[in-house]
Amino acid sequence: MTHAPARPIAPTAPAAPAAPPRGLPGWPALALLLACLAAALPGQAAEPAARAESTMVLNLHFRNERLADDPENCAEVHPAQRVLPASRGVGRAALNQLFAGPSEPEQAAGFRSLFSPDTAGLLRDVRIDAEGTIYVDLHDLRAQLPGVDTACGRVQFMAEVEGTLRQFRTVRRVVLALEGEPRRFNDWLQLPCEPEKGACEEPPFPPPAAVP
């Protein structure tokens, strides 16, 4: 019995890769999608979230007849709270806020003051010594503070300034000057000059600003 010559076996062609099911992305698109998802998820590669800005609460002391026990008492002041960005110079920040006067919401709540946006630039300098005496130097804005030299006005002025500063435990005494001169401030408010308390001394206030 004769046999037909054996035929050489043809090499098998490699199978074509299976096509992805319809409706699903191909591998390159899937890899890109996974990379995007990884970037969006929180992790070591993600950028840290921005930290919330730290704040501080300051009490600004103004008159408020709605809260007053005696509306005729010019020395009676009440705190209005403000939340501000945290600052190392809390005394300076408090005075700058005070000298700008009550905000519109504070006015609507009954707060009133000798200070207003016209006196926002009143503060010239402020510093405190090791004994707790705070020295407040003011620009000469007397034209914007016409009622301060009255009996009630001078009492209210000092109550608002001292009340605002004495919220800080390190403050024991307040000395004010006008353009570097405590005597000039005392003359303006008709206050007694007390040398033993440093209220008449020019140091440590800077010299008066030069007049152009």
N, C-alpha and C. Protein backbone atom coordinates (compact mmCIF):
# COMPACT_ATOMS: atom_id res chain seq x y z
N MET A 1 0.86 -1.17 0.00
CA MET A 1 0.00 0.00 0.00
C MET A 1 0.90 1.21 0.00
N THR A 2 0.66 1.99 -0.97
CA THR A 2 1.50 3.18 -1.10
C THR A 2 0.91 4.32 -0.30
N HIS A 3 1.81 5.19 0.21
CA HIS A 3 1.38 6.37 0.99
C HIS A 3 1.74 7.62 0.24
N ALA A 4 0.87 8.57 0.32
CA ALA A 4 1.15 9.87 -0.30
C ALA A 4 2.25 10.55 0.50
N PRO A 5 3.14 11.20 -0.19
CA PRO A 5 4.22 11.90 0.54
C PRO A 5 3.64 12.91 1.54
N ALA A 6 4.33 12.96 2.69
CA ALA A 6 3.84 13.87 3.76
C ALA A 6 3.99 15.30 3.33
N ARG A 7 2.98 16.04 3.58
CA ARG A 7 3.01 17.47 3.26
C ARG A 7 3.63 18.25 4.43
N PRO A 8 4.47 19.17 4.11
CA PRO A 8 5.04 19.98 5.21
C PRO A 8 3.93 20.77 5.89
N ILE A 9 4.07 20.86 7.22
CA ILE A 9 3.06 21.58 8.00
C ILE A 9 3.35 23.07 7.91
N ALA A 10 2.38 23.79 7.45
CA ALA A 10 2.55 25.24 7.33
C ALA A 10 2.58 25.87 8.72
N PRO A 11 3.48 26.82 8.94
CA PRO A 11 3.51 27.47 10.26
C PRO A 11 2.19 28.18 10.57
N THR A 12 1.81 28.04 11.81
CA THR A 12 0.54 28.64 12.23
C THR A 12 0.71 30.15 12.41
N ALA A 13 -0.14 30.90 11.79
CA ALA A 13 -0.08 32.38 11.92
C ALA A 13 -0.50 32.78 13.32
N PRO A 14 0.20 33.76 13.92
CA PRO A 14 -0.19 34.20 15.28
C PRO A 14 -1.61 34.75 15.29
N ALA A 15 -2.29 34.41 16.36
CA ALA A 15 -3.69 34.85 16.47
C ALA A 15 -3.76 36.35 16.66
N ALA A 16 -4.69 36.98 16.03
CA ALA A 16 -4.89 38.44 16.17
C ALA A 16 -5.43 38.74 17.56
N PRO A 17 -4.97 39.83 18.18
CA PRO A 17 -5.50 40.17 19.52
C PRO A 17 -7.00 40.38 19.48
N ALA A 18 -7.60 39.90 20.54
CA ALA A 18 -9.06 40.01 20.60
C ALA A 18 -9.46 41.47 20.67
N ALA A 19 -10.43 41.81 19.92
CA ALA A 19 -10.93 43.20 19.93
C ALA A 19 -11.70 43.43 21.21
N PRO A 20 -11.53 44.59 21.80
CA PRO A 20 -12.29 44.87 23.03
C PRO A 20 -13.78 44.89 22.74
N PRO A 21 -14.55 44.48 23.72
CA PRO A 21 -16.01 44.51 23.50
C PRO A 21 -16.45 45.91 23.12
N ARG A 22 -17.48 45.94 22.34
CA ARG A 22 -18.01 47.23 21.93
C ARG A 22 -18.49 48.01 23.15
N GLY A 23 -18.25 49.33 23.09
CA GLY A 23 -18.67 50.19 24.19
C GLY A 23 -17.59 50.40 25.23
N LEU A 24 -16.47 49.61 25.17
CA LEU A 24 -15.38 49.78 26.12
C LEU A 24 -14.19 50.38 25.41
N PRO A 25 -13.38 51.22 26.10
CA PRO A 25 -12.23 51.83 25.44
C PRO A 25 -11.12 50.82 25.22
N GLY A 26 -10.31 51.06 24.23
CA GLY A 26 -9.15 50.22 24.00
C GLY A 26 -8.12 50.43 25.09
N TRP A 27 -7.06 49.58 25.11
CA TRP A 27 -6.06 49.64 26.18
C TRP A 27 -5.37 50.99 26.27
N PRO A 28 -4.95 51.60 25.15
CA PRO A 28 -4.31 52.93 25.30
C PRO A 28 -5.24 53.96 25.95
N ALA A 29 -6.49 53.95 25.53
CA ALA A 29 -7.44 54.90 26.11
C ALA A 29 -7.71 54.58 27.57
N LEU A 30 -7.75 53.26 27.90
CA LEU A 30 -8.00 52.86 29.28
C LEU A 30 -6.84 53.26 30.19
N ALA A 31 -5.61 53.11 29.68
CA ALA A 31 -4.44 53.50 30.47
C ALA A 31 -4.45 55.00 30.75
N LEU A 32 -4.82 55.78 29.73
CA LEU A 32 -4.89 57.23 29.92
C LEU A 32 -5.96 57.59 30.94
N LEU A 33 -7.09 56.89 30.88
CA LEU A 33 -8.17 57.15 31.82
C LEU A 33 -7.75 56.85 33.25
N LEU A 34 -7.02 55.72 33.45
CA LEU A 34 -6.56 55.36 34.79
C LEU A 34 -5.56 56.38 35.32
N ALA A 35 -4.69 56.89 34.44
CA ALA A 35 -3.71 57.89 34.87
C ALA A 35 -4.40 59.17 35.32
N CYS A 36 -5.44 59.56 34.59
CA CYS A 36 -6.18 60.77 34.97
C CYS A 36 -6.87 60.59 36.32
N LEU A 37 -7.44 59.38 36.53
CA LEU A 37 -8.11 59.12 37.80
C LEU A 37 -7.12 59.14 38.96
N ALA A 38 -5.93 58.59 38.75
CA ALA A 38 -4.92 58.58 39.81
C ALA A 38 -4.49 59.98 40.18
N ALA A 39 -4.38 60.85 39.17
CA ALA A 39 -3.97 62.23 39.45
C ALA A 39 -5.05 62.98 40.21
N ALA A 40 -6.30 62.61 39.98
CA ALA A 40 -7.40 63.33 40.63
C ALA A 40 -7.62 62.88 42.07
N LEU A 41 -7.16 61.63 42.41
CA LEU A 41 -7.38 61.12 43.75
C LEU A 41 -6.34 61.68 44.71
N PRO A 42 -6.70 61.93 45.98
CA PRO A 42 -5.72 62.43 46.94
C PRO A 42 -4.64 61.39 47.20
N GLY A 43 -3.45 61.82 47.35
CA GLY A 43 -2.34 60.92 47.57
C GLY A 43 -1.05 61.70 47.63
N GLN A 44 0.06 60.98 47.64
CA GLN A 44 1.35 61.63 47.74
C GLN A 44 1.64 62.50 46.54
N ALA A 45 1.16 62.11 45.38
CA ALA A 45 1.44 62.89 44.18
C ALA A 45 0.56 64.11 44.06
N ALA A 46 -0.54 64.13 44.81
CA ALA A 46 -1.45 65.26 44.70
C ALA A 46 -0.89 66.45 45.47
N GLU A 47 -1.21 67.66 45.01
CA GLU A 47 -0.75 68.86 45.69
C GLU A 47 -1.51 69.01 47.01
N PRO A 48 -0.82 69.39 48.08
CA PRO A 48 -1.53 69.57 49.37
C PRO A 48 -2.54 70.69 49.28
N ALA A 49 -3.64 70.52 49.98
CA ALA A 49 -4.67 71.56 49.99
C ALA A 49 -4.14 72.80 50.69
N ALA A 50 -4.57 73.96 50.22
CA ALA A 50 -4.13 75.22 50.82
C ALA A 50 -4.62 75.30 52.26
N ARG A 51 -3.72 75.70 53.15
CA ARG A 51 -4.10 75.81 54.55
C ARG A 51 -5.02 77.01 54.77
N ALA A 52 -5.95 76.82 55.67
CA ALA A 52 -6.86 77.92 55.98
C ALA A 52 -6.08 79.06 56.63
N GLU A 53 -6.41 80.28 56.26
CA GLU A 53 -5.72 81.45 56.80
C GLU A 53 -6.05 81.60 58.29
N SER A 54 -5.01 81.76 59.12
CA SER A 54 -5.24 81.93 60.55
C SER A 54 -5.78 83.32 60.83
N THR A 55 -6.62 83.42 61.83
CA THR A 55 -7.30 84.68 62.14
C THR A 55 -7.15 85.01 63.62
N MET A 56 -7.53 86.22 63.98
CA MET A 56 -7.55 86.65 65.37
C MET A 56 -8.82 87.47 65.60
N VAL A 57 -9.26 87.52 66.83
CA VAL A 57 -10.46 88.28 67.20
C VAL A 57 -10.02 89.49 68.03
N LEU A 58 -10.43 90.68 67.60
CA LEU A 58 -10.12 91.90 68.33
C LEU A 58 -11.42 92.55 68.80
N ASN A 59 -11.36 93.15 69.98
CA ASN A 59 -12.50 93.89 70.53
C ASN A 59 -12.23 95.38 70.40
N LEU A 60 -13.04 96.06 69.63
CA LEU A 60 -12.94 97.51 69.47
C LEU A 60 -14.02 98.14 70.34
N HIS A 61 -13.64 99.08 71.17
CA HIS A 61 -14.58 99.66 72.13
C HIS A 61 -15.16 100.98 71.62
N PHE A 62 -16.48 100.96 71.46
CA PHE A 62 -17.23 102.14 71.01
C PHE A 62 -18.39 102.38 71.98
N ARG A 63 -19.00 103.54 71.87
CA ARG A 63 -20.22 103.80 72.62
C ARG A 63 -21.38 103.08 71.96
N ASN A 64 -22.34 102.67 72.78
CA ASN A 64 -23.54 102.03 72.26
C ASN A 64 -24.67 102.28 73.25
N GLU A 65 -25.54 103.22 72.92
CA GLU A 65 -26.62 103.60 73.83
C GLU A 65 -27.61 102.46 74.05
N ARG A 66 -27.70 101.54 73.08
CA ARG A 66 -28.61 100.41 73.25
C ARG A 66 -28.12 99.46 74.35
N LEU A 67 -26.81 99.39 74.53
CA LEU A 67 -26.24 98.49 75.52
C LEU A 67 -25.88 99.21 76.82
N ALA A 68 -25.94 100.53 76.81
CA ALA A 68 -25.45 101.31 77.95
C ALA A 68 -26.37 101.21 79.15
N ASP A 69 -25.77 101.09 80.32
CA ASP A 69 -26.53 101.19 81.57
C ASP A 69 -26.97 102.63 81.79
N ASP A 70 -26.10 103.57 81.40
CA ASP A 70 -26.40 104.99 81.53
C ASP A 70 -26.02 105.68 80.22
N PRO A 71 -26.97 105.96 79.34
CA PRO A 71 -26.65 106.58 78.05
C PRO A 71 -25.95 107.92 78.16
N GLU A 72 -26.04 108.57 79.32
CA GLU A 72 -25.38 109.86 79.51
C GLU A 72 -23.93 109.73 79.96
N ASN A 73 -23.52 108.50 80.25
CA ASN A 73 -22.15 108.27 80.72
C ASN A 73 -21.21 108.17 79.52
N CYS A 74 -20.42 109.20 79.29
CA CYS A 74 -19.55 109.25 78.11
C CYS A 74 -18.39 108.26 78.20
N ALA A 75 -18.11 107.75 79.39
CA ALA A 75 -17.00 106.81 79.58
C ALA A 75 -17.42 105.36 79.37
N GLU A 76 -18.72 105.13 79.19
CA GLU A 76 -19.19 103.75 79.04
C GLU A 76 -19.07 103.31 77.58
N VAL A 77 -18.21 102.35 77.34
CA VAL A 77 -18.00 101.83 75.99
C VAL A 77 -18.22 100.32 76.02
N HIS A 78 -18.48 99.77 74.85
CA HIS A 78 -18.77 98.34 74.73
C HIS A 78 -18.00 97.75 73.56
N PRO A 79 -17.58 96.48 73.67
CA PRO A 79 -16.76 95.88 72.62
C PRO A 79 -17.56 95.45 71.40
N ALA A 80 -17.01 95.75 70.25
CA ALA A 80 -17.51 95.21 68.98
C ALA A 80 -16.43 94.27 68.45
N GLN A 81 -16.77 93.02 68.26
CA GLN A 81 -15.77 92.03 67.84
C GLN A 81 -15.56 92.07 66.33
N ARG A 82 -14.29 91.97 65.96
CA ARG A 82 -13.94 91.83 64.55
C ARG A 82 -12.95 90.69 64.39
N VAL A 83 -13.14 89.90 63.34
CA VAL A 83 -12.24 88.80 63.01
C VAL A 83 -11.35 89.28 61.87
N LEU A 84 -10.03 89.24 62.11
CA LEU A 84 -9.06 89.76 61.16
C LEU A 84 -7.98 88.72 60.91
N PRO A 85 -7.22 88.86 59.81
CA PRO A 85 -6.06 87.99 59.61
C PRO A 85 -5.09 88.12 60.78
N ALA A 86 -4.55 87.00 61.23
CA ALA A 86 -3.64 87.02 62.37
C ALA A 86 -2.43 87.91 62.09
N SER A 87 -2.00 88.62 63.12
CA SER A 87 -0.89 89.56 62.98
C SER A 87 -0.11 89.59 64.28
N ARG A 88 1.19 89.81 64.20
CA ARG A 88 2.01 89.92 65.41
C ARG A 88 1.78 91.28 66.07
N GLY A 89 1.54 92.31 65.29
CA GLY A 89 1.32 93.64 65.84
C GLY A 89 -0.13 93.86 66.19
N VAL A 90 -0.62 93.17 67.23
CA VAL A 90 -2.04 93.22 67.55
C VAL A 90 -2.47 94.60 68.04
N GLY A 91 -1.59 95.27 68.79
CA GLY A 91 -1.94 96.61 69.27
C GLY A 91 -2.10 97.60 68.13
N ARG A 92 -1.18 97.55 67.20
CA ARG A 92 -1.27 98.43 66.02
C ARG A 92 -2.51 98.11 65.20
N ALA A 93 -2.77 96.81 65.00
CA ALA A 93 -3.95 96.42 64.22
C ALA A 93 -5.23 96.89 64.90
N ALA A 94 -5.30 96.75 66.22
CA ALA A 94 -6.51 97.16 66.95
C ALA A 94 -6.73 98.66 66.84
N LEU A 95 -5.66 99.45 66.98
CA LEU A 95 -5.81 100.91 66.90
C LEU A 95 -6.19 101.35 65.49
N ASN A 96 -5.59 100.75 64.49
CA ASN A 96 -5.95 101.12 63.12
C ASN A 96 -7.41 100.82 62.83
N GLN A 97 -7.90 99.69 63.33
CA GLN A 97 -9.31 99.36 63.16
C GLN A 97 -10.19 100.33 63.95
N LEU A 98 -9.80 100.64 65.17
CA LEU A 98 -10.58 101.56 66.01
C LEU A 98 -10.68 102.93 65.37
N PHE A 99 -9.56 103.45 64.88
CA PHE A 99 -9.53 104.81 64.36
C PHE A 99 -10.30 104.95 63.04
N ALA A 100 -10.64 103.83 62.40
CA ALA A 100 -11.48 103.88 61.20
C ALA A 100 -12.96 103.94 61.54
N GLY A 101 -13.29 103.80 62.83
CA GLY A 101 -14.68 103.92 63.26
C GLY A 101 -15.48 102.64 63.08
N PRO A 102 -16.72 102.62 63.56
CA PRO A 102 -17.57 101.44 63.42
C PRO A 102 -17.90 101.14 61.96
N SER A 103 -17.97 99.86 61.66
CA SER A 103 -18.39 99.44 60.32
C SER A 103 -19.90 99.65 60.17
N GLU A 104 -20.40 99.50 58.95
CA GLU A 104 -21.85 99.68 58.73
C GLU A 104 -22.68 98.70 59.56
N PRO A 105 -22.31 97.40 59.60
CA PRO A 105 -23.09 96.49 60.46
C PRO A 105 -23.03 96.88 61.93
N GLU A 106 -21.87 97.38 62.37
CA GLU A 106 -21.75 97.80 63.77
C GLU A 106 -22.60 99.04 64.04
N GLN A 107 -22.64 99.96 63.11
CA GLN A 107 -23.50 101.13 63.27
C GLN A 107 -24.96 100.71 63.33
N ALA A 108 -25.33 99.73 62.50
CA ALA A 108 -26.71 99.25 62.53
C ALA A 108 -27.05 98.60 63.87
N ALA A 109 -26.01 98.10 64.56
CA ALA A 109 -26.21 97.49 65.88
C ALA A 109 -26.15 98.51 67.01
N GLY A 110 -25.98 99.79 66.66
CA GLY A 110 -26.02 100.85 67.66
C GLY A 110 -24.69 101.41 68.10
N PHE A 111 -23.58 100.94 67.52
CA PHE A 111 -22.27 101.44 67.93
C PHE A 111 -22.01 102.80 67.30
N ARG A 112 -21.48 103.71 68.11
CA ARG A 112 -21.16 105.07 67.66
C ARG A 112 -19.76 105.43 68.17
N SER A 113 -19.10 106.34 67.46
CA SER A 113 -17.74 106.69 67.84
C SER A 113 -17.38 108.09 67.36
N LEU A 114 -16.35 108.66 67.99
CA LEU A 114 -15.74 109.89 67.49
C LEU A 114 -14.93 109.62 66.22
N PHE A 115 -14.54 108.36 66.03
CA PHE A 115 -13.70 107.99 64.90
C PHE A 115 -14.54 107.58 63.70
N SER A 116 -13.96 107.78 62.52
CA SER A 116 -14.66 107.51 61.26
C SER A 116 -13.62 107.22 60.19
N PRO A 117 -14.04 106.89 58.96
CA PRO A 117 -13.05 106.70 57.89
C PRO A 117 -12.15 107.92 57.69
N ASP A 118 -12.62 109.11 58.07
CA ASP A 118 -11.78 110.31 57.93
C ASP A 118 -10.59 110.29 58.88
N THR A 119 -10.67 109.50 59.94
CA THR A 119 -9.56 109.43 60.90
C THR A 119 -8.83 108.09 60.84
N ALA A 120 -9.02 107.35 59.75
CA ALA A 120 -8.40 106.03 59.63
C ALA A 120 -6.88 106.09 59.69
N GLY A 121 -6.28 107.21 59.26
CA GLY A 121 -4.83 107.34 59.29
C GLY A 121 -4.31 108.04 60.52
N LEU A 122 -5.05 108.01 61.62
CA LEU A 122 -4.67 108.76 62.82
C LEU A 122 -3.39 108.24 63.48
N LEU A 123 -3.17 106.94 63.45
CA LEU A 123 -2.04 106.36 64.16
C LEU A 123 -0.72 106.67 63.45
N ARG A 124 0.21 107.23 64.20
CA ARG A 124 1.55 107.53 63.68
C ARG A 124 2.54 106.46 64.09
N ASP A 125 2.47 106.03 65.33
CA ASP A 125 3.37 104.99 65.83
C ASP A 125 2.81 104.44 67.13
N VAL A 126 3.21 103.22 67.46
CA VAL A 126 2.82 102.62 68.73
C VAL A 126 3.92 101.66 69.16
N ARG A 127 4.22 101.66 70.45
CA ARG A 127 5.22 100.75 70.99
C ARG A 127 4.92 100.53 72.47
N ILE A 128 5.43 99.43 73.00
CA ILE A 128 5.21 99.10 74.40
C ILE A 128 6.55 98.77 75.05
N ASP A 129 6.74 99.21 76.31
CA ASP A 129 8.01 98.93 76.97
C ASP A 129 7.87 97.73 77.90
N ALA A 130 8.96 97.38 78.56
CA ALA A 130 8.99 96.17 79.38
C ALA A 130 8.08 96.27 80.59
N GLU A 131 7.74 97.48 81.00
CA GLU A 131 6.87 97.66 82.17
C GLU A 131 5.39 97.66 81.81
N GLY A 132 5.07 97.53 80.53
CA GLY A 132 3.67 97.49 80.12
C GLY A 132 3.07 98.84 79.80
N THR A 133 3.91 99.88 79.65
CA THR A 133 3.41 101.18 79.21
C THR A 133 3.38 101.20 77.69
N ILE A 134 2.22 101.46 77.13
CA ILE A 134 2.09 101.53 75.68
C ILE A 134 2.04 103.00 75.27
N TYR A 135 2.90 103.34 74.33
CA TYR A 135 3.03 104.71 73.85
C TYR A 135 2.35 104.80 72.49
N VAL A 136 1.35 105.66 72.40
CA VAL A 136 0.57 105.81 71.17
C VAL A 136 0.80 107.22 70.63
N ASP A 137 1.39 107.30 69.46
CA ASP A 137 1.68 108.59 68.83
C ASP A 137 0.69 108.81 67.69
N LEU A 138 0.06 109.98 67.67
CA LEU A 138 -0.99 110.27 66.70
C LEU A 138 -0.57 111.37 65.73
N HIS A 139 -1.08 111.26 64.52
CA HIS A 139 -0.96 112.37 63.57
C HIS A 139 -1.92 113.49 64.00
N ASP A 140 -1.60 114.68 63.58
CA ASP A 140 -2.45 115.82 63.94
C ASP A 140 -3.66 115.88 63.00
N LEU A 141 -4.71 115.17 63.39
CA LEU A 141 -5.97 115.17 62.62
C LEU A 141 -7.08 115.82 63.45
N ARG A 142 -6.73 116.85 64.20
CA ARG A 142 -7.73 117.49 65.06
C ARG A 142 -8.89 118.07 64.26
N ALA A 143 -8.63 118.47 63.01
CA ALA A 143 -9.72 119.02 62.20
C ALA A 143 -10.78 117.97 61.91
N GLN A 144 -10.39 116.68 61.90
CA GLN A 144 -11.35 115.60 61.66
C GLN A 144 -11.98 115.09 62.96
N LEU A 145 -11.58 115.66 64.09
CA LEU A 145 -12.12 115.24 65.39
C LEU A 145 -12.60 116.46 66.17
N PRO A 146 -13.59 117.17 65.64
CA PRO A 146 -13.98 118.44 66.25
C PRO A 146 -14.60 118.33 67.63
N GLY A 147 -15.15 117.17 67.97
CA GLY A 147 -15.84 117.07 69.25
C GLY A 147 -14.99 116.54 70.39
N VAL A 148 -13.71 116.26 70.12
CA VAL A 148 -12.88 115.62 71.14
C VAL A 148 -12.55 116.56 72.29
N ASP A 149 -12.45 117.86 72.02
CA ASP A 149 -12.03 118.78 73.07
C ASP A 149 -13.19 119.24 73.97
N THR A 150 -14.36 118.62 73.83
CA THR A 150 -15.47 118.90 74.75
C THR A 150 -15.36 117.98 75.97
N ALA A 151 -16.12 118.30 77.00
CA ALA A 151 -16.04 117.50 78.23
C ALA A 151 -16.38 116.04 77.97
N CYS A 152 -17.46 115.79 77.24
CA CYS A 152 -17.85 114.41 76.94
C CYS A 152 -16.91 113.79 75.91
N GLY A 153 -16.49 114.59 74.93
CA GLY A 153 -15.65 114.07 73.86
C GLY A 153 -14.32 113.55 74.35
N ARG A 154 -13.66 114.28 75.26
CA ARG A 154 -12.35 113.83 75.72
C ARG A 154 -12.47 112.56 76.55
N VAL A 155 -13.56 112.45 77.32
CA VAL A 155 -13.77 111.24 78.12
C VAL A 155 -14.03 110.05 77.20
N GLN A 156 -14.86 110.25 76.18
CA GLN A 156 -15.16 109.17 75.25
C GLN A 156 -13.92 108.76 74.48
N PHE A 157 -13.12 109.73 74.04
CA PHE A 157 -11.90 109.44 73.30
C PHE A 157 -11.00 108.51 74.11
N MET A 158 -10.73 108.88 75.34
CA MET A 158 -9.84 108.08 76.17
C MET A 158 -10.45 106.72 76.49
N ALA A 159 -11.77 106.66 76.68
CA ALA A 159 -12.42 105.39 76.99
C ALA A 159 -12.32 104.42 75.82
N GLU A 160 -12.50 104.93 74.60
CA GLU A 160 -12.43 104.06 73.42
C GLU A 160 -11.01 103.55 73.21
N VAL A 161 -10.02 104.44 73.35
CA VAL A 161 -8.63 104.04 73.13
C VAL A 161 -8.15 103.09 74.23
N GLU A 162 -8.35 103.49 75.49
CA GLU A 162 -7.87 102.67 76.59
C GLU A 162 -8.64 101.35 76.69
N GLY A 163 -9.95 101.39 76.45
CA GLY A 163 -10.72 100.15 76.48
C GLY A 163 -10.25 99.16 75.43
N THR A 164 -9.93 99.66 74.25
CA THR A 164 -9.45 98.78 73.18
C THR A 164 -8.07 98.21 73.51
N LEU A 165 -7.18 99.01 74.08
CA LEU A 165 -5.82 98.56 74.36
C LEU A 165 -5.75 97.65 75.59
N ARG A 166 -6.62 97.86 76.56
CA ARG A 166 -6.53 97.08 77.79
C ARG A 166 -7.11 95.67 77.65
N GLN A 167 -7.57 95.31 76.46
CA GLN A 167 -7.92 93.91 76.25
C GLN A 167 -6.66 93.04 76.23
N PHE A 168 -5.50 93.66 76.00
CA PHE A 168 -4.24 92.94 75.99
C PHE A 168 -3.64 92.96 77.40
N ARG A 169 -3.34 91.79 77.94
CA ARG A 169 -2.92 91.67 79.33
C ARG A 169 -1.59 92.35 79.61
N THR A 170 -0.76 92.54 78.59
CA THR A 170 0.54 93.17 78.81
C THR A 170 0.45 94.68 78.98
N VAL A 171 -0.70 95.28 78.64
CA VAL A 171 -0.84 96.73 78.72
C VAL A 171 -1.27 97.13 80.13
N ARG A 172 -0.44 97.96 80.78
CA ARG A 172 -0.74 98.44 82.12
C ARG A 172 -1.06 99.93 82.15
N ARG A 173 -0.50 100.68 81.19
CA ARG A 173 -0.71 102.13 81.19
C ARG A 173 -0.62 102.62 79.75
N VAL A 174 -1.39 103.66 79.44
CA VAL A 174 -1.44 104.21 78.09
C VAL A 174 -0.98 105.66 78.13
N VAL A 175 -0.01 105.99 77.28
CA VAL A 175 0.48 107.37 77.14
C VAL A 175 0.31 107.77 75.68
N LEU A 176 -0.30 108.92 75.44
CA LEU A 176 -0.56 109.38 74.08
C LEU A 176 0.21 110.65 73.78
N ALA A 177 0.53 110.82 72.50
CA ALA A 177 1.23 112.02 72.05
C ALA A 177 0.64 112.46 70.72
N LEU A 178 0.87 113.71 70.39
CA LEU A 178 0.44 114.28 69.11
C LEU A 178 1.70 114.70 68.35
N GLU A 179 1.95 114.03 67.23
CA GLU A 179 3.17 114.28 66.45
C GLU A 179 4.42 114.19 67.33
N GLY A 180 4.46 113.17 68.19
CA GLY A 180 5.62 112.94 69.02
C GLY A 180 5.68 113.74 70.30
N GLU A 181 4.68 114.55 70.60
CA GLU A 181 4.73 115.44 71.76
C GLU A 181 3.57 115.14 72.72
N PRO A 182 3.85 114.48 73.85
CA PRO A 182 2.79 114.22 74.83
C PRO A 182 2.14 115.49 75.37
N ARG A 183 2.93 116.54 75.60
CA ARG A 183 2.35 117.78 76.11
C ARG A 183 1.31 118.35 75.15
N ARG A 184 1.60 118.23 73.87
CA ARG A 184 0.68 118.76 72.87
C ARG A 184 -0.65 118.01 72.91
N PHE A 185 -0.58 116.70 73.09
CA PHE A 185 -1.81 115.91 73.21
C PHE A 185 -2.58 116.30 74.46
N ASN A 186 -1.88 116.42 75.58
CA ASN A 186 -2.55 116.78 76.84
C ASN A 186 -3.19 118.16 76.77
N ASP A 187 -2.51 119.09 76.11
CA ASP A 187 -3.09 120.43 75.95
C ASP A 187 -4.37 120.37 75.11
N TRP A 188 -4.35 119.53 74.09
CA TRP A 188 -5.52 119.40 73.20
C TRP A 188 -6.72 118.89 73.99
N LEU A 189 -6.53 117.83 74.77
CA LEU A 189 -7.63 117.25 75.53
C LEU A 189 -7.79 117.86 76.91
N GLN A 190 -6.97 118.89 77.20
CA GLN A 190 -7.03 119.57 78.49
C GLN A 190 -6.86 118.58 79.65
N LEU A 191 -5.85 117.72 79.49
CA LEU A 191 -5.54 116.73 80.51
C LEU A 191 -4.34 117.20 81.32
N PRO A 192 -4.27 116.84 82.59
CA PRO A 192 -3.11 117.23 83.40
C PRO A 192 -1.86 116.50 82.94
N CYS A 193 -0.74 117.19 82.98
CA CYS A 193 0.54 116.59 82.62
C CYS A 193 1.16 116.01 83.88
N GLU A 194 1.42 114.70 83.87
CA GLU A 194 1.94 114.02 85.04
C GLU A 194 3.33 113.48 84.74
N PRO A 195 4.38 114.23 85.07
CA PRO A 195 5.74 113.81 84.73
C PRO A 195 6.12 112.46 85.32
N GLU A 196 5.63 112.16 86.53
CA GLU A 196 6.01 110.90 87.17
C GLU A 196 5.47 109.70 86.42
N LYS A 197 4.46 109.89 85.58
CA LYS A 197 3.90 108.80 84.78
C LYS A 197 4.43 108.81 83.35
N GLY A 198 5.34 109.69 83.06
CA GLY A 198 5.91 109.74 81.71
C GLY A 198 5.01 110.41 80.71
N ALA A 199 3.94 111.07 81.17
CA ALA A 199 2.98 111.66 80.24
C ALA A 199 3.47 112.97 79.65
N CYS A 200 4.59 113.49 80.16
CA CYS A 200 5.10 114.77 79.65
C CYS A 200 6.42 114.60 78.92
N GLU A 201 6.96 113.40 78.91
CA GLU A 201 8.26 113.17 78.31
C GLU A 201 8.12 112.90 76.82
N GLU A 202 9.07 113.40 76.05
CA GLU A 202 9.04 113.13 74.62
C GLU A 202 9.54 111.73 74.29
N PRO A 203 10.67 111.26 74.83
CA PRO A 203 11.06 109.88 74.56
C PRO A 203 10.02 108.95 75.17
N PRO A 204 9.78 107.75 74.59
CA PRO A 204 10.42 107.20 73.40
C PRO A 204 9.68 107.53 72.11
N PHE A 205 8.96 108.64 72.07
CA PHE A 205 8.28 109.01 70.84
C PHE A 205 9.30 109.55 69.84
N PRO A 206 9.08 109.29 68.54
CA PRO A 206 9.98 109.84 67.53
C PRO A 206 9.80 111.35 67.44
N PRO A 207 10.76 112.06 66.88
CA PRO A 207 10.62 113.51 66.74
C PRO A 207 9.48 113.85 65.80
N PRO A 208 8.90 115.06 65.93
CA PRO A 208 7.81 115.45 65.03
C PRO A 208 8.24 115.38 63.58
N ALA A 209 7.27 115.05 62.72
CA ALA A 209 7.57 114.97 61.29
C ALA A 209 7.96 116.34 60.76
N ALA A 210 8.93 116.36 59.85
CA ALA A 210 9.37 117.62 59.26
C ALA A 210 8.27 118.20 58.40
N VAL A 211 8.09 119.49 58.49
CA VAL A 211 7.08 120.16 57.68
C VAL A 211 7.69 120.54 56.34
N PRO A 212 7.14 120.09 55.21
CA PRO A 212 7.74 120.40 53.90
C PRO A 212 7.62 121.88 53.58
